[in-house]
N, C-alpha and C. Protein backbone atom coordinates (compact mmCIF):
# COMPACT_ATOMS: atom_id res chain seq x y z
N MET A 1 0.85 -1.20 0.00
CA MET A 1 0.00 0.00 0.00
C MET A 1 0.88 1.25 0.00
N THR A 2 0.49 2.21 -0.78
CA THR A 2 1.26 3.46 -0.90
C THR A 2 1.39 4.18 0.44
N LYS A 3 2.61 4.60 0.75
CA LYS A 3 2.86 5.44 1.92
C LYS A 3 3.78 6.58 1.48
N TYR A 4 3.20 7.76 1.38
CA TYR A 4 3.99 8.90 0.90
C TYR A 4 4.91 9.45 1.98
N GLY A 5 6.09 9.83 1.56
CA GLY A 5 7.05 10.45 2.46
C GLY A 5 7.88 11.48 1.73
N MET A 6 8.76 12.12 2.47
CA MET A 6 9.59 13.20 1.91
C MET A 6 11.01 13.09 2.46
N LEU A 7 11.98 13.38 1.62
CA LEU A 7 13.38 13.44 2.02
C LEU A 7 13.89 14.85 1.75
N ILE A 8 14.42 15.50 2.78
CA ILE A 8 14.99 16.83 2.64
C ILE A 8 16.50 16.73 2.85
N GLN A 9 17.26 17.11 1.83
CA GLN A 9 18.71 16.99 1.85
C GLN A 9 19.31 18.32 2.31
N ALA A 10 19.61 18.38 3.61
CA ALA A 10 20.05 19.64 4.21
C ALA A 10 21.36 20.13 3.62
N ASP A 11 22.22 19.23 3.19
CA ASP A 11 23.51 19.65 2.65
C ASP A 11 23.40 20.20 1.23
N LYS A 12 22.24 20.02 0.59
CA LYS A 12 22.01 20.60 -0.73
C LYS A 12 21.25 21.92 -0.63
N CYS A 13 20.50 22.10 0.46
CA CYS A 13 19.66 23.29 0.63
C CYS A 13 20.52 24.55 0.71
N ILE A 14 20.12 25.58 -0.03
CA ILE A 14 20.86 26.85 -0.05
C ILE A 14 20.15 27.95 0.73
N GLY A 15 19.05 27.60 1.40
CA GLY A 15 18.36 28.58 2.24
C GLY A 15 17.65 29.68 1.48
N CYS A 16 17.21 29.40 0.27
CA CYS A 16 16.60 30.45 -0.56
C CYS A 16 15.14 30.72 -0.21
N SER A 17 14.52 29.81 0.55
CA SER A 17 13.12 29.93 0.98
C SER A 17 12.12 29.81 -0.16
N THR A 18 12.57 29.32 -1.32
CA THR A 18 11.65 29.15 -2.44
C THR A 18 10.53 28.17 -2.09
N CYS A 19 10.85 27.15 -1.30
CA CYS A 19 9.81 26.18 -0.92
C CYS A 19 8.72 26.84 -0.08
N THR A 20 9.12 27.71 0.84
CA THR A 20 8.15 28.42 1.67
C THR A 20 7.30 29.36 0.83
N ILE A 21 7.94 30.05 -0.10
CA ILE A 21 7.22 30.98 -0.98
C ILE A 21 6.24 30.22 -1.87
N ALA A 22 6.68 29.07 -2.40
CA ALA A 22 5.80 28.27 -3.25
C ALA A 22 4.59 27.77 -2.48
N CYS A 23 4.82 27.41 -1.21
CA CYS A 23 3.72 26.97 -0.35
C CYS A 23 2.71 28.10 -0.17
N LYS A 24 3.21 29.29 0.10
CA LYS A 24 2.32 30.43 0.28
C LYS A 24 1.56 30.74 -1.00
N ASP A 25 2.25 30.63 -2.14
CA ASP A 25 1.61 30.90 -3.43
C ASP A 25 0.44 29.94 -3.66
N GLU A 26 0.61 28.70 -3.20
CA GLU A 26 -0.42 27.69 -3.41
C GLU A 26 -1.59 27.82 -2.45
N PHE A 27 -1.32 28.25 -1.21
CA PHE A 27 -2.34 28.17 -0.17
C PHE A 27 -2.87 29.49 0.36
N VAL A 28 -2.09 30.57 0.32
CA VAL A 28 -2.59 31.83 0.87
C VAL A 28 -3.79 32.30 0.06
N GLY A 29 -4.91 32.43 0.74
CA GLY A 29 -6.13 32.88 0.08
C GLY A 29 -6.84 31.81 -0.72
N ASN A 30 -6.28 30.59 -0.74
CA ASN A 30 -6.86 29.51 -1.54
C ASN A 30 -7.30 28.36 -0.64
N ALA A 31 -8.58 28.10 -0.62
CA ALA A 31 -9.12 26.95 0.12
C ALA A 31 -9.35 25.81 -0.85
N TYR A 32 -9.06 24.59 -0.38
CA TYR A 32 -9.27 23.41 -1.20
C TYR A 32 -10.24 22.50 -0.45
N ALA A 33 -11.46 22.46 -0.94
CA ALA A 33 -12.53 21.75 -0.24
C ALA A 33 -12.13 20.31 0.07
N GLY A 34 -12.30 19.92 1.33
CA GLY A 34 -11.97 18.58 1.76
C GLY A 34 -10.51 18.37 2.10
N TYR A 35 -9.67 19.37 1.80
CA TYR A 35 -8.24 19.25 2.06
C TYR A 35 -7.75 20.28 3.08
N SER A 36 -8.05 21.53 2.85
CA SER A 36 -7.52 22.59 3.71
C SER A 36 -8.27 23.89 3.50
N GLY A 37 -8.28 24.70 4.55
CA GLY A 37 -8.78 26.05 4.43
C GLY A 37 -7.68 26.95 3.88
N ALA A 38 -8.02 28.18 3.58
CA ALA A 38 -7.04 29.11 3.04
C ALA A 38 -6.02 29.48 4.11
N GLN A 39 -4.76 29.48 3.73
CA GLN A 39 -3.70 29.92 4.64
C GLN A 39 -3.76 31.44 4.75
N PRO A 40 -3.72 31.98 5.96
CA PRO A 40 -3.76 33.44 6.11
C PRO A 40 -2.48 34.08 5.60
N ALA A 41 -2.61 35.26 5.05
CA ALA A 41 -1.46 35.97 4.51
C ALA A 41 -0.65 36.60 5.64
N THR A 42 0.65 36.69 5.42
CA THR A 42 1.51 37.43 6.33
C THR A 42 1.41 38.91 5.99
N THR A 43 1.18 39.73 6.99
CA THR A 43 1.07 41.17 6.75
C THR A 43 2.29 41.88 7.34
N TYR A 44 2.71 42.89 6.64
CA TYR A 44 3.89 43.64 7.06
C TYR A 44 3.48 45.10 7.29
N GLY A 45 4.09 45.70 8.28
CA GLY A 45 3.81 47.10 8.56
C GLY A 45 5.08 47.82 8.96
N VAL A 46 5.01 49.13 8.90
CA VAL A 46 6.15 49.96 9.30
C VAL A 46 5.66 50.97 10.32
N THR A 47 6.32 50.98 11.47
CA THR A 47 5.94 51.92 12.52
C THR A 47 7.13 52.79 12.89
N PRO A 48 6.88 54.03 13.25
CA PRO A 48 7.98 54.90 13.67
C PRO A 48 8.62 54.39 14.95
N SER A 49 9.91 54.51 15.04
CA SER A 49 10.63 54.11 16.24
C SER A 49 11.80 55.07 16.43
N THR A 50 11.97 55.54 17.64
CA THR A 50 13.05 56.48 17.92
C THR A 50 14.12 55.79 18.76
N TRP A 51 15.33 55.76 18.22
CA TRP A 51 16.45 55.17 18.92
C TRP A 51 17.30 56.28 19.53
N PRO A 52 17.84 56.08 20.72
CA PRO A 52 18.64 57.12 21.38
C PRO A 52 19.78 57.60 20.49
N ASN A 53 19.83 58.92 20.34
CA ASN A 53 20.92 59.57 19.60
C ASN A 53 20.94 59.25 18.12
N GLN A 54 19.86 58.62 17.60
CA GLN A 54 19.85 58.29 16.18
C GLN A 54 18.66 58.90 15.46
N GLY A 55 17.91 59.69 16.14
CA GLY A 55 16.76 60.32 15.50
C GLY A 55 15.64 59.32 15.25
N SER A 56 14.72 59.72 14.42
CA SER A 56 13.55 58.89 14.14
C SER A 56 13.87 57.86 13.05
N THR A 57 13.48 56.62 13.28
CA THR A 57 13.67 55.56 12.29
C THR A 57 12.35 54.83 12.09
N LEU A 58 12.35 53.88 11.17
CA LEU A 58 11.17 53.08 10.93
C LEU A 58 11.45 51.64 11.33
N GLN A 59 10.47 51.00 11.96
CA GLN A 59 10.62 49.63 12.41
C GLN A 59 9.62 48.74 11.69
N MET A 60 10.14 47.63 11.09
CA MET A 60 9.28 46.69 10.38
C MET A 60 8.58 45.78 11.37
N THR A 61 7.30 45.57 11.17
CA THR A 61 6.54 44.63 12.01
C THR A 61 5.94 43.56 11.11
N VAL A 62 5.89 42.34 11.61
CA VAL A 62 5.33 41.21 10.87
C VAL A 62 4.20 40.62 11.70
N GLU A 63 3.04 40.47 11.10
CA GLU A 63 1.88 39.97 11.83
C GLU A 63 1.19 38.86 11.05
N ASN A 64 0.55 38.00 11.81
CA ASN A 64 -0.27 36.93 11.24
C ASN A 64 0.58 36.01 10.35
N GLY A 65 -0.07 35.31 9.47
CA GLY A 65 0.65 34.44 8.55
C GLY A 65 1.08 33.13 9.19
N GLN A 66 1.34 32.16 8.36
CA GLN A 66 1.79 30.85 8.81
C GLN A 66 2.86 30.35 7.85
N ASN A 67 3.83 29.63 8.38
CA ASN A 67 4.84 29.00 7.54
C ASN A 67 4.65 27.49 7.62
N TRP A 68 3.90 26.93 6.68
CA TRP A 68 3.65 25.49 6.71
C TRP A 68 4.93 24.72 6.43
N ILE A 69 5.94 25.38 5.87
CA ILE A 69 7.29 24.84 5.82
C ILE A 69 8.14 25.81 6.63
N ASN A 70 8.46 25.42 7.84
CA ASN A 70 9.15 26.32 8.76
C ASN A 70 10.65 26.30 8.53
N PHE A 71 11.29 27.45 8.61
CA PHE A 71 12.72 27.58 8.38
C PHE A 71 13.49 27.56 9.69
N GLY A 72 14.57 26.81 9.71
CA GLY A 72 15.44 26.79 10.88
C GLY A 72 16.88 26.61 10.46
N GLU A 73 17.78 26.70 11.40
CA GLU A 73 19.20 26.51 11.13
C GLU A 73 19.80 25.53 12.13
N GLN A 74 20.75 24.75 11.66
CA GLN A 74 21.53 23.89 12.53
C GLN A 74 22.96 24.40 12.49
N VAL A 75 23.48 24.77 13.62
CA VAL A 75 24.82 25.36 13.69
C VAL A 75 25.67 24.58 14.68
N ASN A 76 26.88 24.28 14.28
CA ASN A 76 27.82 23.58 15.15
C ASN A 76 29.18 24.28 15.13
N GLY A 77 29.85 24.28 16.26
CA GLY A 77 31.18 24.86 16.32
C GLY A 77 31.20 26.27 16.86
N THR A 78 32.38 26.83 16.95
CA THR A 78 32.55 28.21 17.39
C THR A 78 33.42 28.95 16.38
N PHE A 79 33.19 30.23 16.28
CA PHE A 79 33.92 31.06 15.32
C PHE A 79 35.43 30.93 15.55
N PRO A 80 36.21 30.77 14.50
CA PRO A 80 35.84 30.81 13.07
C PRO A 80 35.53 29.44 12.47
N ASN A 81 35.51 28.42 13.29
CA ASN A 81 35.25 27.06 12.78
C ASN A 81 33.79 26.69 13.01
N VAL A 82 32.96 27.16 12.10
CA VAL A 82 31.51 26.98 12.25
C VAL A 82 30.95 26.26 11.03
N LYS A 83 30.06 25.31 11.27
CA LYS A 83 29.33 24.65 10.20
C LYS A 83 27.84 24.95 10.40
N ALA A 84 27.15 25.16 9.29
CA ALA A 84 25.73 25.47 9.38
C ALA A 84 24.95 24.75 8.29
N ARG A 85 23.74 24.40 8.61
CA ARG A 85 22.82 23.80 7.64
C ARG A 85 21.47 24.48 7.78
N PHE A 86 20.80 24.65 6.65
CA PHE A 86 19.42 25.14 6.68
C PHE A 86 18.51 23.93 6.84
N VAL A 87 17.55 24.04 7.74
CA VAL A 87 16.63 22.93 8.00
C VAL A 87 15.20 23.43 7.81
N TYR A 88 14.53 22.88 6.81
CA TYR A 88 13.14 23.24 6.56
C TYR A 88 12.23 22.13 7.06
N GLU A 89 11.20 22.52 7.78
CA GLU A 89 10.34 21.53 8.43
C GLU A 89 8.88 21.70 8.01
N PRO A 90 8.36 20.77 7.21
CA PRO A 90 6.92 20.72 6.97
C PRO A 90 6.27 19.89 8.08
N CYS A 91 4.99 19.59 7.96
CA CYS A 91 4.39 18.59 8.83
C CYS A 91 5.13 17.28 8.61
N MET A 92 5.40 16.55 9.68
CA MET A 92 6.18 15.32 9.57
C MET A 92 5.34 14.13 9.11
N GLN A 93 4.03 14.34 8.93
CA GLN A 93 3.14 13.30 8.41
C GLN A 93 3.37 11.97 9.14
N CYS A 94 3.26 12.02 10.44
CA CYS A 94 3.61 10.89 11.30
C CYS A 94 2.69 9.68 11.10
N ASP A 95 3.27 8.50 11.28
CA ASP A 95 2.48 7.26 11.28
C ASP A 95 1.78 7.06 12.62
N ASN A 96 2.27 7.75 13.65
CA ASN A 96 1.64 7.71 14.96
C ASN A 96 1.37 9.15 15.39
N PRO A 97 0.47 9.83 14.69
CA PRO A 97 0.29 11.27 14.88
C PRO A 97 -0.47 11.63 16.15
N PRO A 98 0.15 12.35 17.07
CA PRO A 98 -0.56 12.75 18.30
C PRO A 98 -1.72 13.71 18.03
N CYS A 99 -1.66 14.42 16.90
CA CYS A 99 -2.76 15.34 16.57
C CYS A 99 -4.06 14.59 16.30
N VAL A 100 -3.95 13.38 15.77
CA VAL A 100 -5.15 12.57 15.53
C VAL A 100 -5.80 12.20 16.86
N ALA A 101 -4.97 11.78 17.81
CA ALA A 101 -5.48 11.41 19.12
C ALA A 101 -6.07 12.60 19.87
N ALA A 102 -5.52 13.79 19.61
CA ALA A 102 -5.97 14.98 20.32
C ALA A 102 -7.26 15.55 19.75
N SER A 103 -7.60 15.16 18.55
CA SER A 103 -8.78 15.73 17.89
C SER A 103 -10.06 15.04 18.32
N THR A 104 -11.16 15.72 18.12
CA THR A 104 -12.48 15.12 18.34
C THR A 104 -13.22 15.08 17.01
N ASN A 105 -14.21 14.22 16.93
CA ASN A 105 -15.04 14.10 15.72
C ASN A 105 -14.21 13.77 14.48
N SER A 106 -13.05 13.10 14.68
CA SER A 106 -12.18 12.71 13.55
C SER A 106 -11.78 13.92 12.71
N ALA A 107 -11.58 15.06 13.38
CA ALA A 107 -11.19 16.27 12.67
C ALA A 107 -9.80 16.14 12.05
N VAL A 108 -8.93 15.35 12.68
CA VAL A 108 -7.62 15.06 12.11
C VAL A 108 -7.56 13.57 11.83
N TYR A 109 -7.14 13.20 10.64
CA TYR A 109 -7.17 11.79 10.26
C TYR A 109 -6.02 11.48 9.29
N ALA A 110 -5.60 10.23 9.30
CA ALA A 110 -4.57 9.76 8.38
C ALA A 110 -5.22 9.00 7.24
N ARG A 111 -4.91 9.39 6.03
CA ARG A 111 -5.43 8.69 4.87
C ARG A 111 -4.71 7.34 4.70
N PRO A 112 -5.24 6.44 3.91
CA PRO A 112 -4.55 5.17 3.67
C PRO A 112 -3.15 5.34 3.08
N ASP A 113 -2.91 6.45 2.36
CA ASP A 113 -1.59 6.68 1.78
C ASP A 113 -0.64 7.36 2.75
N GLY A 114 -1.07 7.54 4.01
CA GLY A 114 -0.19 8.08 5.04
C GLY A 114 -0.24 9.58 5.22
N ILE A 115 -0.91 10.30 4.35
CA ILE A 115 -1.00 11.76 4.49
C ILE A 115 -1.99 12.09 5.60
N VAL A 116 -1.55 12.92 6.53
CA VAL A 116 -2.39 13.33 7.66
C VAL A 116 -3.02 14.69 7.33
N LEU A 117 -4.32 14.76 7.41
CA LEU A 117 -5.05 15.99 7.08
C LEU A 117 -5.88 16.47 8.26
N ILE A 118 -6.05 17.78 8.32
CA ILE A 118 -6.96 18.40 9.28
C ILE A 118 -8.18 18.89 8.51
N ASP A 119 -9.33 18.34 8.83
CA ASP A 119 -10.54 18.74 8.12
C ASP A 119 -10.82 20.21 8.41
N PRO A 120 -10.95 21.03 7.36
CA PRO A 120 -11.10 22.48 7.57
C PRO A 120 -12.44 22.88 8.17
N THR A 121 -13.38 21.96 8.22
CA THR A 121 -14.68 22.24 8.85
C THR A 121 -14.75 21.64 10.24
N LEU A 122 -14.38 20.37 10.36
CA LEU A 122 -14.50 19.68 11.64
C LEU A 122 -13.53 20.19 12.70
N SER A 123 -12.45 20.83 12.27
CA SER A 123 -11.46 21.32 13.25
C SER A 123 -11.85 22.66 13.87
N THR A 124 -12.98 23.20 13.47
CA THR A 124 -13.42 24.49 14.01
C THR A 124 -13.47 24.47 15.54
N ASN A 125 -12.82 25.46 16.12
CA ASN A 125 -12.79 25.67 17.58
C ASN A 125 -12.01 24.61 18.35
N GLN A 126 -11.29 23.74 17.68
CA GLN A 126 -10.47 22.74 18.38
C GLN A 126 -9.09 23.34 18.66
N THR A 127 -9.08 24.23 19.62
CA THR A 127 -7.87 25.00 19.93
C THR A 127 -6.77 24.15 20.57
N GLN A 128 -7.08 22.92 20.93
CA GLN A 128 -6.08 22.05 21.54
C GLN A 128 -5.11 21.46 20.52
N LEU A 129 -5.42 21.55 19.25
CA LEU A 129 -4.64 20.85 18.24
C LEU A 129 -3.20 21.37 18.07
N PRO A 130 -2.94 22.68 18.02
CA PRO A 130 -1.55 23.12 17.87
C PRO A 130 -0.61 22.57 18.93
N ALA A 131 -1.05 22.53 20.18
CA ALA A 131 -0.19 22.06 21.26
C ALA A 131 0.06 20.56 21.20
N SER A 132 -0.73 19.82 20.42
CA SER A 132 -0.58 18.37 20.36
C SER A 132 0.63 17.94 19.53
N CYS A 133 1.13 18.83 18.69
CA CYS A 133 2.24 18.48 17.80
C CYS A 133 3.58 18.79 18.47
N PRO A 134 4.40 17.77 18.74
CA PRO A 134 5.69 18.03 19.40
C PRO A 134 6.67 18.78 18.51
N TYR A 135 6.42 18.79 17.20
CA TYR A 135 7.28 19.51 16.27
C TYR A 135 6.84 20.97 16.08
N GLY A 136 5.70 21.33 16.66
CA GLY A 136 5.20 22.69 16.51
C GLY A 136 4.78 23.04 15.10
N ARG A 137 4.23 22.06 14.38
CA ARG A 137 3.92 22.28 12.97
C ARG A 137 2.44 22.50 12.70
N ILE A 138 1.63 22.72 13.74
CA ILE A 138 0.22 23.03 13.56
C ILE A 138 -0.03 24.46 14.00
N TYR A 139 -0.71 25.21 13.17
CA TYR A 139 -1.00 26.62 13.44
C TYR A 139 -2.48 26.81 13.75
N TRP A 140 -2.76 27.90 14.43
CA TRP A 140 -4.14 28.27 14.70
C TRP A 140 -4.49 29.51 13.89
N ASN A 141 -5.58 29.42 13.14
CA ASN A 141 -6.07 30.53 12.33
C ASN A 141 -7.17 31.23 13.11
N ASP A 142 -6.83 32.37 13.71
CA ASP A 142 -7.80 33.10 14.54
C ASP A 142 -9.01 33.55 13.74
N ALA A 143 -8.76 33.98 12.51
CA ALA A 143 -9.86 34.52 11.71
C ALA A 143 -10.89 33.45 11.37
N SER A 144 -10.42 32.24 11.11
CA SER A 144 -11.33 31.15 10.72
C SER A 144 -11.63 30.20 11.86
N SER A 145 -10.90 30.33 12.98
CA SER A 145 -11.06 29.44 14.14
C SER A 145 -10.84 27.97 13.78
N ILE A 146 -9.81 27.73 12.98
CA ILE A 146 -9.47 26.36 12.61
C ILE A 146 -7.97 26.12 12.77
N ALA A 147 -7.61 24.85 12.96
CA ALA A 147 -6.20 24.45 12.98
C ALA A 147 -5.77 24.14 11.56
N GLN A 148 -4.48 24.46 11.25
CA GLN A 148 -3.99 24.27 9.89
C GLN A 148 -2.54 23.81 9.90
N LYS A 149 -2.14 23.14 8.81
CA LYS A 149 -0.76 22.69 8.66
C LYS A 149 -0.50 22.28 7.21
N CYS A 150 0.74 21.89 6.96
CA CYS A 150 1.12 21.33 5.67
C CYS A 150 0.28 20.09 5.38
N THR A 151 -0.16 19.95 4.14
CA THR A 151 -0.96 18.81 3.72
C THR A 151 -0.22 17.89 2.75
N PHE A 152 1.08 18.13 2.54
CA PHE A 152 1.82 17.45 1.47
C PHE A 152 1.18 17.78 0.12
N CYS A 153 0.44 18.89 0.07
CA CYS A 153 -0.30 19.27 -1.15
C CYS A 153 -1.13 18.09 -1.65
N ALA A 154 -1.91 17.50 -0.74
CA ALA A 154 -2.68 16.31 -1.09
C ALA A 154 -3.61 16.54 -2.28
N HIS A 155 -4.08 17.77 -2.44
CA HIS A 155 -4.96 18.06 -3.57
C HIS A 155 -4.21 17.92 -4.90
N LEU A 156 -2.89 18.17 -4.88
CA LEU A 156 -2.08 17.98 -6.09
C LEU A 156 -1.64 16.52 -6.23
N VAL A 157 -1.28 15.91 -5.10
CA VAL A 157 -0.88 14.49 -5.12
C VAL A 157 -1.99 13.63 -5.71
N ASP A 158 -3.23 13.95 -5.38
CA ASP A 158 -4.37 13.18 -5.89
C ASP A 158 -4.57 13.38 -7.39
N GLN A 159 -3.87 14.36 -7.95
CA GLN A 159 -3.88 14.56 -9.40
C GLN A 159 -2.63 13.99 -10.06
N GLY A 160 -1.83 13.25 -9.27
CA GLY A 160 -0.62 12.67 -9.81
C GLY A 160 0.55 13.63 -9.86
N LYS A 161 0.47 14.74 -9.11
CA LYS A 161 1.52 15.75 -9.12
C LYS A 161 2.32 15.70 -7.82
N ASN A 162 3.44 16.41 -7.80
CA ASN A 162 4.25 16.55 -6.60
C ASN A 162 3.72 17.67 -5.71
N PRO A 163 4.05 17.66 -4.42
CA PRO A 163 3.82 18.86 -3.60
C PRO A 163 4.54 20.05 -4.23
N LYS A 164 3.97 21.22 -4.05
CA LYS A 164 4.48 22.42 -4.70
C LYS A 164 5.95 22.69 -4.35
N CYS A 165 6.32 22.45 -3.10
CA CYS A 165 7.69 22.76 -2.67
C CYS A 165 8.71 21.90 -3.41
N VAL A 166 8.34 20.67 -3.75
CA VAL A 166 9.26 19.75 -4.42
C VAL A 166 9.65 20.29 -5.79
N ASP A 167 8.65 20.68 -6.57
CA ASP A 167 8.93 21.18 -7.92
C ASP A 167 9.57 22.56 -7.90
N ALA A 168 9.33 23.32 -6.83
CA ALA A 168 9.86 24.69 -6.78
C ALA A 168 11.33 24.74 -6.38
N CYS A 169 11.83 23.73 -5.67
CA CYS A 169 13.20 23.78 -5.16
C CYS A 169 14.21 23.85 -6.31
N PRO A 170 15.03 24.90 -6.36
CA PRO A 170 15.96 25.08 -7.49
C PRO A 170 17.16 24.14 -7.46
N VAL A 171 17.39 23.49 -6.32
CA VAL A 171 18.55 22.59 -6.22
C VAL A 171 18.13 21.15 -5.98
N THR A 172 16.86 20.85 -6.22
CA THR A 172 16.28 19.51 -6.04
C THR A 172 16.68 18.88 -4.71
N ALA A 173 16.57 19.68 -3.65
CA ALA A 173 16.92 19.20 -2.30
C ALA A 173 15.79 18.41 -1.66
N ILE A 174 14.60 18.42 -2.27
CA ILE A 174 13.44 17.74 -1.68
C ILE A 174 12.99 16.62 -2.62
N ILE A 175 12.88 15.42 -2.08
CA ILE A 175 12.41 14.27 -2.84
C ILE A 175 11.11 13.78 -2.21
N PHE A 176 10.11 13.55 -3.04
CA PHE A 176 8.81 13.06 -2.58
C PHE A 176 8.50 11.76 -3.28
N GLY A 177 7.91 10.82 -2.57
CA GLY A 177 7.56 9.58 -3.23
C GLY A 177 6.98 8.54 -2.29
N ASP A 178 6.92 7.31 -2.79
CA ASP A 178 6.28 6.20 -2.09
C ASP A 178 7.31 5.43 -1.29
N LEU A 179 7.19 5.49 0.03
CA LEU A 179 8.12 4.81 0.92
C LEU A 179 7.91 3.30 0.93
N SER A 180 6.76 2.83 0.47
CA SER A 180 6.46 1.40 0.52
C SER A 180 7.11 0.63 -0.63
N VAL A 181 7.65 1.35 -1.60
CA VAL A 181 8.31 0.70 -2.74
C VAL A 181 9.82 0.83 -2.57
N ALA A 182 10.48 -0.30 -2.38
CA ALA A 182 11.92 -0.29 -2.10
C ALA A 182 12.75 0.29 -3.24
N THR A 183 12.21 0.22 -4.46
CA THR A 183 12.95 0.70 -5.63
C THR A 183 12.61 2.14 -6.00
N SER A 184 11.74 2.79 -5.23
CA SER A 184 11.40 4.19 -5.54
C SER A 184 12.61 5.07 -5.27
N THR A 185 12.66 6.22 -5.92
CA THR A 185 13.78 7.14 -5.74
C THR A 185 13.96 7.53 -4.29
N ILE A 186 12.85 7.80 -3.61
CA ILE A 186 12.97 8.25 -2.22
C ILE A 186 13.47 7.12 -1.33
N SER A 187 12.98 5.91 -1.53
CA SER A 187 13.42 4.79 -0.69
C SER A 187 14.90 4.51 -0.88
N LYS A 188 15.35 4.50 -2.12
CA LYS A 188 16.76 4.24 -2.40
C LYS A 188 17.64 5.37 -1.86
N SER A 189 17.15 6.61 -1.95
CA SER A 189 17.92 7.76 -1.47
C SER A 189 18.04 7.74 0.05
N ILE A 190 16.99 7.37 0.75
CA ILE A 190 17.03 7.31 2.21
C ILE A 190 18.08 6.30 2.66
N VAL A 191 18.15 5.17 1.96
CA VAL A 191 19.13 4.14 2.31
C VAL A 191 20.54 4.60 1.98
N SER A 192 20.74 5.12 0.77
CA SER A 192 22.09 5.48 0.34
C SER A 192 22.65 6.67 1.11
N LEU A 193 21.77 7.57 1.55
CA LEU A 193 22.21 8.76 2.27
C LEU A 193 22.11 8.59 3.78
N ASN A 194 21.65 7.42 4.21
CA ASN A 194 21.47 7.16 5.65
C ASN A 194 20.63 8.26 6.29
N ALA A 195 19.54 8.60 5.62
CA ALA A 195 18.66 9.67 6.09
C ALA A 195 17.86 9.21 7.31
N GLN A 196 17.58 10.16 8.19
CA GLN A 196 16.88 9.87 9.44
C GLN A 196 15.81 10.94 9.68
N PRO A 197 14.75 10.58 10.40
CA PRO A 197 13.76 11.59 10.77
C PRO A 197 14.28 12.44 11.92
N LEU A 198 13.66 13.61 12.10
CA LEU A 198 14.00 14.45 13.24
C LEU A 198 13.30 13.91 14.50
N HIS A 199 14.01 13.92 15.59
CA HIS A 199 13.46 13.54 16.89
C HIS A 199 12.67 12.23 16.88
N PRO A 200 13.32 11.14 16.51
CA PRO A 200 12.61 9.85 16.56
C PRO A 200 12.19 9.48 17.98
N GLU A 201 12.85 10.12 18.97
CA GLU A 201 12.50 9.83 20.36
C GLU A 201 11.08 10.27 20.72
N TYR A 202 10.47 11.10 19.87
CA TYR A 202 9.09 11.50 20.13
C TYR A 202 8.12 10.33 19.96
N GLY A 203 8.54 9.30 19.23
CA GLY A 203 7.70 8.13 19.04
C GLY A 203 6.55 8.33 18.07
N THR A 204 6.64 9.36 17.22
CA THR A 204 5.54 9.64 16.30
C THR A 204 5.71 8.97 14.94
N LYS A 205 6.87 8.37 14.69
CA LYS A 205 7.18 7.69 13.43
C LYS A 205 6.97 8.61 12.22
N PRO A 206 7.76 9.69 12.14
CA PRO A 206 7.60 10.64 11.05
C PRO A 206 7.96 10.03 9.70
N LYS A 207 7.33 10.55 8.64
CA LYS A 207 7.63 10.10 7.29
C LYS A 207 8.39 11.16 6.50
N VAL A 208 8.94 12.15 7.20
CA VAL A 208 9.84 13.13 6.60
C VAL A 208 11.24 12.82 7.11
N TYR A 209 12.16 12.60 6.17
CA TYR A 209 13.53 12.21 6.52
C TYR A 209 14.50 13.32 6.12
N TYR A 210 15.66 13.34 6.80
CA TYR A 210 16.68 14.35 6.53
C TYR A 210 18.03 13.68 6.32
N SER A 211 18.76 14.18 5.35
CA SER A 211 20.14 13.77 5.14
C SER A 211 21.03 15.01 5.16
N GLY A 212 22.31 14.81 5.41
CA GLY A 212 23.26 15.92 5.35
C GLY A 212 23.26 16.84 6.55
N LEU A 213 22.59 16.45 7.64
CA LEU A 213 22.63 17.26 8.85
C LEU A 213 24.00 17.14 9.49
N ILE A 214 24.37 18.13 10.25
CA ILE A 214 25.67 18.12 10.92
C ILE A 214 25.63 17.08 12.03
N GLN A 215 26.62 16.23 12.04
CA GLN A 215 26.70 15.18 13.06
C GLN A 215 27.48 15.66 14.27
């Protein structure tokens, strides 16, 4: 049976954030019935700010918005001997998802192909859902009163397409495919690169793997 997963190659990632931008392009303002509600837009503002002895300046403020592919960094060492990797985190699409257990009325469910979805209607007012994810990958949409997260672009996958972030990556650092097939590109890559999930100690059995992290 098909089990979709993702491999993110941290040593290939250049930190361009194209995957995050592609995600926003696909979901901000766009609801996909049965899959997800519209992702709220990030709003930017400029407010006056006065710094001592520097006169009046402008300060950028960022409000609202969600990053369904969250950006982070892994840094090891001390200056000048420092190594760094960019680490992008979507929903881990766990095989043992705590968000499913935390939901009521089956608002969060795992499909037979392993993709975990939050029903955009049934999750209304279930404010407990963001705290249920140990990876911090579930957001709360105040305007719509629903929980939201990465869906692996299930609406595109069901059309035989890749998640948007996969096709958008300029250095092909993200591989998507069927983990149940030993000869699939993702399965062979996980083995050859000795890729591992983040925080296996959480016991959630994530289906997002990483290679090239600093050891």
